[in-house]
């Protein structure tokens, strides 16, 4: 997932947040200025609740996505650096005469005969 807020010329998140906030303000203020019939009050209340929930999602995404994403990226970078250092410091050194096997290599093993001291 790319972080869209890193590019200074990209205003899409800001525009979405402002547009949804304006829509919520209009939906909140409309019942005070425009009379709503009694039979539609439940419908308007449900629509406003749905809009408020969407607004919370947009605001959480706008204010939280870049911060959480940068934290996740920092954590992944630290883990990658740590894994690289561990691999450098724990790589097995081969002894003379030691053969490194790869997956799928065929190995013949001789059976031991007789008593071993």
N, C-alpha and C. Protein backbone atom coordinates (compact mmCIF):
# COMPACT_ATOMS: atom_id res chain seq x y z
N UNK A 1 0.85 -1.17 0.00
CA UNK A 1 0.00 0.00 0.00
C UNK A 1 0.89 1.23 0.00
N UNK A 2 0.64 2.13 -0.91
CA UNK A 2 1.47 3.33 -0.98
C UNK A 2 0.92 4.40 -0.04
N UNK A 3 1.82 5.21 0.46
CA UNK A 3 1.42 6.30 1.34
C UNK A 3 1.14 7.53 0.49
N UNK A 4 -0.12 7.88 0.30
CA UNK A 4 -0.48 8.98 -0.57
C UNK A 4 -0.20 10.33 0.06
N UNK A 5 -0.06 10.42 1.36
CA UNK A 5 0.13 11.70 2.01
C UNK A 5 1.57 12.18 1.96
N UNK A 6 2.50 11.37 1.48
CA UNK A 6 3.90 11.78 1.42
C UNK A 6 4.18 12.76 0.30
N UNK A 7 3.39 12.70 -0.76
CA UNK A 7 3.61 13.59 -1.89
C UNK A 7 2.95 14.93 -1.60
N UNK A 8 3.71 16.02 -1.59
CA UNK A 8 3.14 17.32 -1.24
C UNK A 8 2.09 17.81 -2.23
N UNK A 9 2.13 17.38 -3.47
CA UNK A 9 1.18 17.87 -4.46
C UNK A 9 -0.13 17.10 -4.45
N UNK A 10 -0.23 16.03 -3.67
CA UNK A 10 -1.42 15.20 -3.64
C UNK A 10 -2.35 15.68 -2.53
N UNK A 11 -3.47 16.29 -2.94
CA UNK A 11 -4.41 16.84 -1.96
C UNK A 11 -5.68 16.00 -1.82
N UNK A 12 -5.71 14.81 -2.39
CA UNK A 12 -6.93 14.00 -2.35
C UNK A 12 -7.41 13.70 -0.93
N UNK A 13 -6.55 13.27 -0.02
CA UNK A 13 -7.05 13.01 1.34
C UNK A 13 -7.65 14.25 1.99
N UNK A 14 -7.02 15.40 1.80
CA UNK A 14 -7.54 16.64 2.37
C UNK A 14 -8.90 16.98 1.78
N UNK A 15 -9.02 16.84 0.47
CA UNK A 15 -10.29 17.16 -0.20
C UNK A 15 -11.40 16.24 0.27
N UNK A 16 -11.11 14.96 0.40
CA UNK A 16 -12.11 14.00 0.87
C UNK A 16 -12.54 14.34 2.29
N UNK A 17 -11.58 14.63 3.17
CA UNK A 17 -11.91 14.95 4.56
C UNK A 17 -12.76 16.22 4.66
N UNK A 18 -12.41 17.24 3.90
CA UNK A 18 -13.18 18.49 3.93
C UNK A 18 -14.57 18.28 3.34
N UNK A 19 -14.68 17.54 2.25
CA UNK A 19 -15.98 17.31 1.61
C UNK A 19 -16.92 16.53 2.53
N UNK A 20 -16.41 15.49 3.16
CA UNK A 20 -17.27 14.71 4.06
C UNK A 20 -17.64 15.53 5.29
N UNK A 21 -16.72 16.34 5.81
CA UNK A 21 -17.03 17.20 6.95
C UNK A 21 -18.10 18.22 6.57
N UNK A 22 -18.03 18.80 5.38
CA UNK A 22 -19.06 19.73 4.93
C UNK A 22 -20.41 19.04 4.78
N UNK A 23 -20.40 17.83 4.26
CA UNK A 23 -21.64 17.06 4.13
C UNK A 23 -22.26 16.77 5.49
N UNK A 24 -21.44 16.44 6.47
CA UNK A 24 -21.93 16.18 7.82
C UNK A 24 -22.51 17.47 8.41
N UNK A 25 -21.86 18.59 8.19
CA UNK A 25 -22.37 19.87 8.72
C UNK A 25 -23.72 20.21 8.09
N UNK A 26 -23.85 19.99 6.81
CA UNK A 26 -25.13 20.25 6.14
C UNK A 26 -26.21 19.32 6.66
N UNK A 27 -25.88 18.04 6.80
CA UNK A 27 -26.86 17.06 7.29
C UNK A 27 -27.26 17.33 8.73
N UNK A 28 -26.35 17.87 9.53
CA UNK A 28 -26.67 18.19 10.92
C UNK A 28 -27.53 19.44 11.00
N UNK A 29 -27.24 20.43 10.19
CA UNK A 29 -27.97 21.70 10.28
C UNK A 29 -29.30 21.71 9.57
N UNK A 30 -29.48 20.88 8.56
CA UNK A 30 -30.71 20.90 7.77
C UNK A 30 -31.98 20.71 8.60
N UNK A 31 -32.05 19.76 9.53
CA UNK A 31 -33.29 19.60 10.29
C UNK A 31 -33.68 20.83 11.12
N UNK A 32 -32.72 21.70 11.43
CA UNK A 32 -33.03 22.90 12.20
C UNK A 32 -33.64 23.99 11.32
N UNK A 33 -33.40 23.95 10.02
CA UNK A 33 -33.89 24.99 9.12
C UNK A 33 -34.99 24.52 8.17
N UNK A 34 -35.11 23.22 8.00
CA UNK A 34 -36.09 22.68 7.08
C UNK A 34 -36.98 21.72 7.86
N UNK A 35 -38.29 21.95 7.87
CA UNK A 35 -39.17 21.07 8.65
C UNK A 35 -39.23 19.66 8.06
N UNK A 36 -39.11 18.67 8.91
CA UNK A 36 -39.14 17.28 8.50
C UNK A 36 -40.47 16.68 8.95
N UNK A 37 -41.18 16.01 8.06
CA UNK A 37 -42.43 15.37 8.48
C UNK A 37 -42.19 14.30 9.54
N UNK A 38 -43.14 14.11 10.41
CA UNK A 38 -43.02 13.14 11.51
C UNK A 38 -42.70 11.74 11.01
N UNK A 39 -43.28 11.35 9.87
CA UNK A 39 -43.07 9.99 9.38
C UNK A 39 -41.65 9.75 8.87
N UNK A 40 -40.88 10.81 8.62
CA UNK A 40 -39.53 10.67 8.08
C UNK A 40 -38.43 10.88 9.12
N UNK A 41 -38.78 11.16 10.35
CA UNK A 41 -37.76 11.44 11.37
C UNK A 41 -36.85 10.23 11.60
N UNK A 42 -37.42 9.04 11.66
CA UNK A 42 -36.60 7.83 11.88
C UNK A 42 -35.63 7.62 10.71
N UNK A 43 -36.12 7.85 9.49
CA UNK A 43 -35.27 7.69 8.31
C UNK A 43 -34.13 8.70 8.31
N UNK A 44 -34.43 9.95 8.63
CA UNK A 44 -33.41 11.00 8.66
C UNK A 44 -32.39 10.70 9.76
N UNK A 45 -32.86 10.26 10.91
CA UNK A 45 -31.95 9.92 12.01
C UNK A 45 -31.02 8.78 11.62
N UNK A 46 -31.56 7.76 10.97
CA UNK A 46 -30.73 6.64 10.53
C UNK A 46 -29.70 7.09 9.48
N UNK A 47 -30.13 7.93 8.54
CA UNK A 47 -29.20 8.43 7.52
C UNK A 47 -28.09 9.27 8.14
N UNK A 48 -28.45 10.10 9.12
CA UNK A 48 -27.44 10.92 9.79
C UNK A 48 -26.45 10.05 10.56
N UNK A 49 -26.95 9.02 11.22
CA UNK A 49 -26.06 8.12 11.97
C UNK A 49 -25.09 7.43 11.03
N UNK A 50 -25.58 6.97 9.89
CA UNK A 50 -24.71 6.34 8.91
C UNK A 50 -23.66 7.33 8.40
N UNK A 51 -24.08 8.54 8.15
CA UNK A 51 -23.15 9.58 7.68
C UNK A 51 -22.10 9.90 8.75
N UNK A 52 -22.51 9.97 10.01
CA UNK A 52 -21.55 10.24 11.09
C UNK A 52 -20.53 9.12 11.22
N UNK A 53 -20.99 7.87 11.06
CA UNK A 53 -20.05 6.74 11.12
C UNK A 53 -19.04 6.82 9.98
N UNK A 54 -19.51 7.14 8.79
CA UNK A 54 -18.59 7.31 7.66
C UNK A 54 -17.62 8.45 7.89
N UNK A 55 -18.11 9.52 8.49
CA UNK A 55 -17.26 10.67 8.79
C UNK A 55 -16.15 10.27 9.76
N UNK A 56 -16.48 9.48 10.77
CA UNK A 56 -15.46 9.03 11.71
C UNK A 56 -14.41 8.17 11.01
N UNK A 57 -14.84 7.34 10.09
CA UNK A 57 -13.89 6.51 9.34
C UNK A 57 -12.95 7.38 8.51
N UNK A 58 -13.51 8.39 7.83
CA UNK A 58 -12.68 9.28 7.00
C UNK A 58 -11.69 10.05 7.86
N UNK A 59 -12.13 10.58 8.98
CA UNK A 59 -11.22 11.34 9.85
C UNK A 59 -10.15 10.45 10.45
N UNK A 60 -10.53 9.26 10.85
CA UNK A 60 -9.53 8.32 11.39
C UNK A 60 -8.50 7.98 10.33
N UNK A 61 -8.96 7.75 9.11
CA UNK A 61 -8.03 7.44 8.01
C UNK A 61 -7.14 8.64 7.71
N UNK A 62 -7.73 9.84 7.65
CA UNK A 62 -6.96 11.02 7.28
C UNK A 62 -5.90 11.36 8.32
N UNK A 63 -6.26 11.33 9.59
CA UNK A 63 -5.31 11.71 10.63
C UNK A 63 -4.45 10.55 11.11
N UNK A 64 -4.86 9.31 10.86
CA UNK A 64 -4.11 8.19 11.40
C UNK A 64 -3.33 7.37 10.42
N UNK A 65 -3.67 7.42 9.13
CA UNK A 65 -3.05 6.49 8.18
C UNK A 65 -1.57 6.75 7.97
N UNK A 66 -1.17 7.99 7.78
CA UNK A 66 0.24 8.24 7.51
C UNK A 66 1.10 7.98 8.73
N UNK A 67 0.58 8.29 9.92
CA UNK A 67 1.34 8.07 11.15
C UNK A 67 1.54 6.57 11.39
N UNK A 68 0.46 5.79 11.27
CA UNK A 68 0.57 4.36 11.48
C UNK A 68 1.39 3.70 10.39
N UNK A 69 1.25 4.17 9.17
CA UNK A 69 2.01 3.58 8.08
C UNK A 69 3.50 3.86 8.22
N UNK A 70 3.86 5.06 8.67
CA UNK A 70 5.28 5.35 8.85
C UNK A 70 5.85 4.54 10.01
N UNK A 71 5.05 4.33 11.06
CA UNK A 71 5.52 3.48 12.16
C UNK A 71 5.74 2.05 11.68
N UNK A 72 4.82 1.54 10.87
CA UNK A 72 4.96 0.19 10.34
C UNK A 72 6.19 0.09 9.45
N UNK A 73 6.41 1.09 8.62
CA UNK A 73 7.58 1.08 7.74
C UNK A 73 8.87 1.13 8.55
N UNK A 74 8.91 1.94 9.60
CA UNK A 74 10.09 2.00 10.46
C UNK A 74 10.34 0.65 11.13
N UNK A 75 9.29 0.01 11.59
CA UNK A 75 9.43 -1.30 12.23
C UNK A 75 9.97 -2.32 11.24
N UNK A 76 9.45 -2.32 10.01
CA UNK A 76 9.94 -3.28 9.01
C UNK A 76 11.39 -3.01 8.66
N UNK A 77 11.78 -1.75 8.58
CA UNK A 77 13.19 -1.42 8.29
C UNK A 77 14.10 -1.91 9.41
N UNK A 78 13.70 -1.72 10.65
CA UNK A 78 14.50 -2.17 11.78
C UNK A 78 14.62 -3.69 11.76
N UNK A 79 13.51 -4.38 11.48
CA UNK A 79 13.56 -5.84 11.43
C UNK A 79 14.47 -6.33 10.31
N UNK A 80 14.44 -5.67 9.15
CA UNK A 80 15.30 -6.07 8.04
C UNK A 80 16.78 -5.85 8.38
N UNK A 81 17.08 -4.72 9.02
CA UNK A 81 18.46 -4.45 9.41
C UNK A 81 18.94 -5.46 10.45
N UNK A 82 18.08 -5.79 11.39
CA UNK A 82 18.44 -6.76 12.42
C UNK A 82 18.68 -8.13 11.80
N UNK A 83 17.82 -8.54 10.88
CA UNK A 83 17.98 -9.84 10.22
C UNK A 83 19.28 -9.88 9.42
N UNK A 84 19.63 -8.78 8.77
CA UNK A 84 20.88 -8.74 8.01
C UNK A 84 22.08 -8.85 8.93
N UNK A 85 22.05 -8.16 10.07
CA UNK A 85 23.17 -8.25 11.01
C UNK A 85 23.29 -9.65 11.61
N UNK A 86 22.15 -10.27 11.91
CA UNK A 86 22.19 -11.63 12.45
C UNK A 86 22.77 -12.59 11.42
N UNK A 87 22.36 -12.44 10.16
CA UNK A 87 22.87 -13.31 9.11
C UNK A 87 24.37 -13.13 8.92
N UNK A 88 24.87 -11.90 9.03
CA UNK A 88 26.31 -11.66 8.89
C UNK A 88 27.09 -12.30 10.03
N UNK A 89 26.58 -12.18 11.24
CA UNK A 89 27.32 -12.63 12.41
C UNK A 89 27.17 -14.11 12.71
N UNK A 90 26.19 -14.77 12.12
CA UNK A 90 25.98 -16.19 12.42
C UNK A 90 26.20 -17.08 11.21
N UNK A 91 26.77 -16.56 10.15
CA UNK A 91 26.99 -17.41 8.98
C UNK A 91 28.05 -18.46 9.33
N UNK A 92 27.74 -19.71 9.01
CA UNK A 92 28.69 -20.78 9.37
C UNK A 92 29.95 -20.69 8.49
N UNK A 93 31.07 -20.88 9.15
CA UNK A 93 32.32 -20.91 8.38
C UNK A 93 32.62 -22.37 8.04
N UNK A 94 33.04 -22.58 6.79
CA UNK A 94 33.31 -23.95 6.37
C UNK A 94 34.71 -24.36 6.80
N UNK A 95 34.79 -25.57 7.28
CA UNK A 95 36.10 -26.16 7.61
C UNK A 95 36.70 -26.73 6.33
N UNK A 96 38.04 -26.90 6.32
CA UNK A 96 38.64 -27.52 5.14
C UNK A 96 38.07 -28.92 4.92
N UNK A 97 37.70 -29.23 3.70
CA UNK A 97 37.16 -30.54 3.39
C UNK A 97 35.65 -30.62 3.59
N UNK A 98 35.05 -29.60 4.10
CA UNK A 98 33.62 -29.62 4.33
C UNK A 98 32.90 -29.24 3.04
N UNK A 99 31.84 -29.96 2.74
CA UNK A 99 31.10 -29.74 1.51
C UNK A 99 29.75 -29.12 1.86
N UNK A 100 29.37 -28.11 1.13
CA UNK A 100 28.08 -27.48 1.36
C UNK A 100 27.05 -28.13 0.44
N UNK A 101 25.98 -28.65 1.02
CA UNK A 101 24.94 -29.32 0.25
C UNK A 101 23.80 -28.35 -0.05
N UNK A 102 23.21 -28.55 -1.20
CA UNK A 102 22.05 -27.76 -1.60
C UNK A 102 20.84 -28.68 -1.58
N UNK A 103 19.65 -28.10 -1.42
CA UNK A 103 18.45 -28.94 -1.46
C UNK A 103 18.38 -29.72 -2.77
N UNK A 104 18.08 -31.01 -2.66
CA UNK A 104 17.98 -31.86 -3.83
C UNK A 104 19.26 -32.59 -4.18
N UNK A 105 20.38 -32.30 -3.49
CA UNK A 105 21.63 -33.01 -3.75
C UNK A 105 21.49 -34.47 -3.31
N UNK A 106 22.09 -35.35 -4.10
CA UNK A 106 22.06 -36.78 -3.78
C UNK A 106 23.28 -37.13 -2.92
N UNK A 107 23.01 -37.83 -1.82
CA UNK A 107 24.09 -38.19 -0.90
C UNK A 107 24.06 -39.70 -0.70
N UNK A 108 25.19 -40.37 -0.92
CA UNK A 108 25.31 -41.80 -0.62
C UNK A 108 25.96 -41.94 0.74
N UNK A 109 25.35 -42.76 1.58
CA UNK A 109 25.88 -42.98 2.92
C UNK A 109 26.33 -44.42 3.02
N UNK A 110 27.57 -44.62 3.47
CA UNK A 110 28.09 -45.97 3.61
C UNK A 110 27.68 -46.51 4.98
N UNK A 111 27.30 -47.78 5.00
CA UNK A 111 26.89 -48.40 6.26
C UNK A 111 28.13 -48.81 7.03
N UNK A 112 28.09 -48.65 8.33
CA UNK A 112 29.22 -49.04 9.18
C UNK A 112 29.15 -50.53 9.41
N UNK A 113 30.30 -51.20 9.27
CA UNK A 113 30.33 -52.64 9.53
C UNK A 113 31.32 -52.90 10.65
N UNK A 114 31.03 -53.90 11.41
CA UNK A 114 31.94 -54.28 12.48
C UNK A 114 31.74 -53.43 13.73
N UNK A 115 32.57 -53.70 14.71
CA UNK A 115 32.48 -52.98 15.96
C UNK A 115 33.27 -51.67 15.86
N UNK A 116 32.73 -50.66 16.43
CA UNK A 116 33.45 -49.39 16.46
C UNK A 116 33.97 -49.18 17.86
N UNK A 117 35.21 -48.74 17.97
CA UNK A 117 35.79 -48.56 19.32
C UNK A 117 35.22 -47.40 20.06
